[in-house]
Protein backbone atom coordinates (compact mmCIF):
# COMPACT_ATOMS: atom_id res chain seq x y z
CA UNK A 1 0.48 -11.85 0.83
CA UNK A 2 0.99 -9.42 4.01
CA UNK A 3 -2.01 -8.83 6.38
CA UNK A 4 -2.41 -5.38 5.29
CA UNK A 5 -2.95 -6.45 1.62
CA UNK A 6 -4.41 -8.87 2.97
CA UNK A 7 -6.63 -6.13 5.02
CA UNK A 8 -7.43 -3.91 1.77
CA UNK A 9 -8.52 -6.38 0.06
CA UNK A 10 -11.55 -7.83 2.60
CA UNK A 11 -11.83 -3.70 2.70
CA UNK A 12 -12.47 -3.99 -0.71
CA UNK A 13 -14.44 -6.64 -1.23
CA UNK A 14 -16.50 -6.26 1.80
CA UNK A 15 -18.66 -4.13 -0.54
CA UNK A 16 -21.54 -5.78 -2.12
CA UNK A 17 -21.21 -3.91 -5.71
CA UNK A 18 -17.59 -4.39 -5.62
CA UNK A 19 -17.61 -8.24 -4.66
CA UNK A 20 -19.91 -8.43 -7.60
CA UNK A 21 -17.95 -6.70 -9.90
CA UNK A 22 -14.48 -8.92 -9.06
CA UNK A 23 -16.86 -11.83 -9.27
CA UNK A 24 -17.43 -10.55 -13.00
CA UNK A 25 -13.99 -9.70 -13.75
CA UNK A 26 -12.85 -13.57 -12.61
CA UNK A 27 -15.80 -15.23 -15.19
CA UNK A 28 -14.60 -12.47 -18.09
CA UNK A 29 -11.29 -13.93 -17.78
CA UNK A 30 -7.62 -12.02 -19.08
CA UNK A 31 -9.52 -9.89 -21.68
CA UNK A 32 -11.47 -8.07 -18.85
CA UNK A 33 -14.49 -6.12 -19.59
CA UNK A 34 -14.81 -2.49 -20.49
CA UNK A 35 -15.80 -0.10 -18.07
CA UNK A 36 -19.46 0.62 -20.17
CA UNK A 37 -19.80 -3.28 -19.92
CA UNK A 38 -19.08 -3.29 -16.01
CA UNK A 39 -21.81 -0.93 -15.66
CA UNK A 40 -24.76 -2.64 -17.47
CA UNK A 41 -23.60 -5.62 -16.23
CA UNK A 42 -23.95 -4.54 -12.73
CA UNK A 43 -26.97 -2.62 -13.25
CA UNK A 44 -24.51 0.50 -11.92
CA UNK A 45 -24.25 3.71 -13.24
CA UNK A 46 -21.14 4.42 -14.77
CA UNK A 47 -20.02 7.48 -12.65
CA UNK A 48 -20.67 4.78 -9.16
CA UNK A 49 -18.98 1.72 -11.30
CA UNK A 50 -15.87 3.88 -11.48
CA UNK A 51 -15.46 4.88 -8.06
CA UNK A 52 -15.72 0.86 -7.40
CA UNK A 53 -13.18 0.07 -10.02
CA UNK A 54 -10.76 2.33 -8.34
CA UNK A 55 -11.08 1.05 -5.23
CA UNK A 56 -10.64 -2.47 -6.47
CA UNK A 57 -7.69 -0.99 -7.93
CA UNK A 58 -6.07 0.57 -4.94
CA UNK A 59 -6.94 -2.86 -3.00
CA UNK A 60 -4.91 -4.68 -5.93
CA UNK A 61 -7.75 -6.73 -6.90
CA UNK A 62 -7.98 -5.01 -10.57
CA UNK A 63 -6.05 -4.05 -13.08
CA UNK A 64 -6.81 -1.03 -15.46
CA UNK A 65 -5.58 -1.11 -19.25
CA UNK A 66 -6.71 1.87 -22.02
CA UNK A 67 -7.39 0.66 -25.32
CA UNK A 68 -8.49 3.72 -27.87
CA UNK A 69 -11.17 5.33 -25.98
CA UNK A 70 -12.13 2.58 -23.85
CA UNK A 71 -10.61 1.28 -20.36
CA UNK A 72 -10.34 -2.15 -19.77
CA UNK A 73 -10.60 -3.86 -16.24
CA UNK A 74 -9.34 -7.22 -15.32
CA UNK A 75 -9.32 -9.25 -12.16
CA UNK A 76 -5.68 -9.71 -10.69
CA UNK A 77 -5.66 -13.46 -10.26
CA UNK A 78 -2.12 -13.36 -9.02
CA UNK A 79 -3.79 -11.13 -5.84
CA UNK A 80 -6.46 -13.37 -5.72
CA UNK A 81 -4.70 -16.19 -5.41
CA UNK A 82 -2.60 -14.33 -2.98
CA UNK A 83 -5.01 -13.57 -0.70
CA UNK A 84 -6.94 -16.85 -0.63
CA UNK A 85 -2.74 -18.34 -0.15
CA UNK A 86 -3.41 -15.97 2.90
CA UNK A 87 -6.42 -17.65 4.27
CA UNK A 88 -5.03 -21.04 4.21
CA UNK A 89 -1.73 -20.33 5.18
CA UNK A 90 -2.19 -21.59 9.13
CA UNK A 91 -4.43 -24.13 7.77
CA UNK A 92 -5.49 -26.54 10.26
CA UNK A 93 -2.72 -25.97 12.59
CA UNK A 94 -0.44 -28.93 11.24
CA UNK A 95 -3.46 -31.51 10.32
CA UNK A 96 -3.32 -31.43 6.38
CA UNK A 97 -6.03 -33.72 6.51
CA UNK A 98 -8.28 -31.01 7.80
CA UNK A 99 -7.99 -28.37 4.81
CA UNK A 100 -8.66 -31.25 2.22
CA UNK A 101 -12.19 -30.32 1.64
CA UNK A 102 -11.10 -26.72 1.56
CA UNK A 103 -8.25 -27.42 -1.25
CA UNK A 104 -10.40 -30.17 -3.54
CA UNK A 105 -12.92 -27.34 -3.96
CA UNK A 106 -13.56 -27.62 -7.20
CA UNK A 107 -12.67 -24.56 -9.88
CA UNK A 108 -14.44 -24.55 -13.61
CA UNK A 109 -15.59 -27.82 -13.05
CA UNK A 110 -11.93 -29.55 -12.50
CA UNK A 111 -11.20 -30.97 -9.27
CA UNK A 112 -8.18 -29.16 -7.51
CA UNK A 113 -5.82 -32.19 -8.21
CA UNK A 114 -6.37 -31.67 -12.23
CA UNK A 115 -6.43 -27.98 -12.18
CA UNK A 116 -2.65 -26.19 -13.81
CA UNK A 117 -0.01 -25.65 -12.04
CA UNK A 118 1.09 -21.99 -11.85
């Protein structure tokens, strides 16, 4: 991920509702959620959630797909991984032992060493 992309992603995530939406979409998994369900889950009006989803999509953190009359949104896991990699790229200034705590944070109850490789 380039710096410009990271800045767009951080700008999108710096708003409380958008951060909640991204976390909700990550939890929803690859099937995503309908826009109406996102609005209901976040307690935000449909028009307001639509605005936030547009911002997240433009920042590359979410993707939209139409199914019949509904639009489903999913987290862009590749972009989120890229954002984390961007933050960690220069980690520890050549001292990898400093990064071990960050690299071993658990995800879904699994330690980093147990996570499947992409």
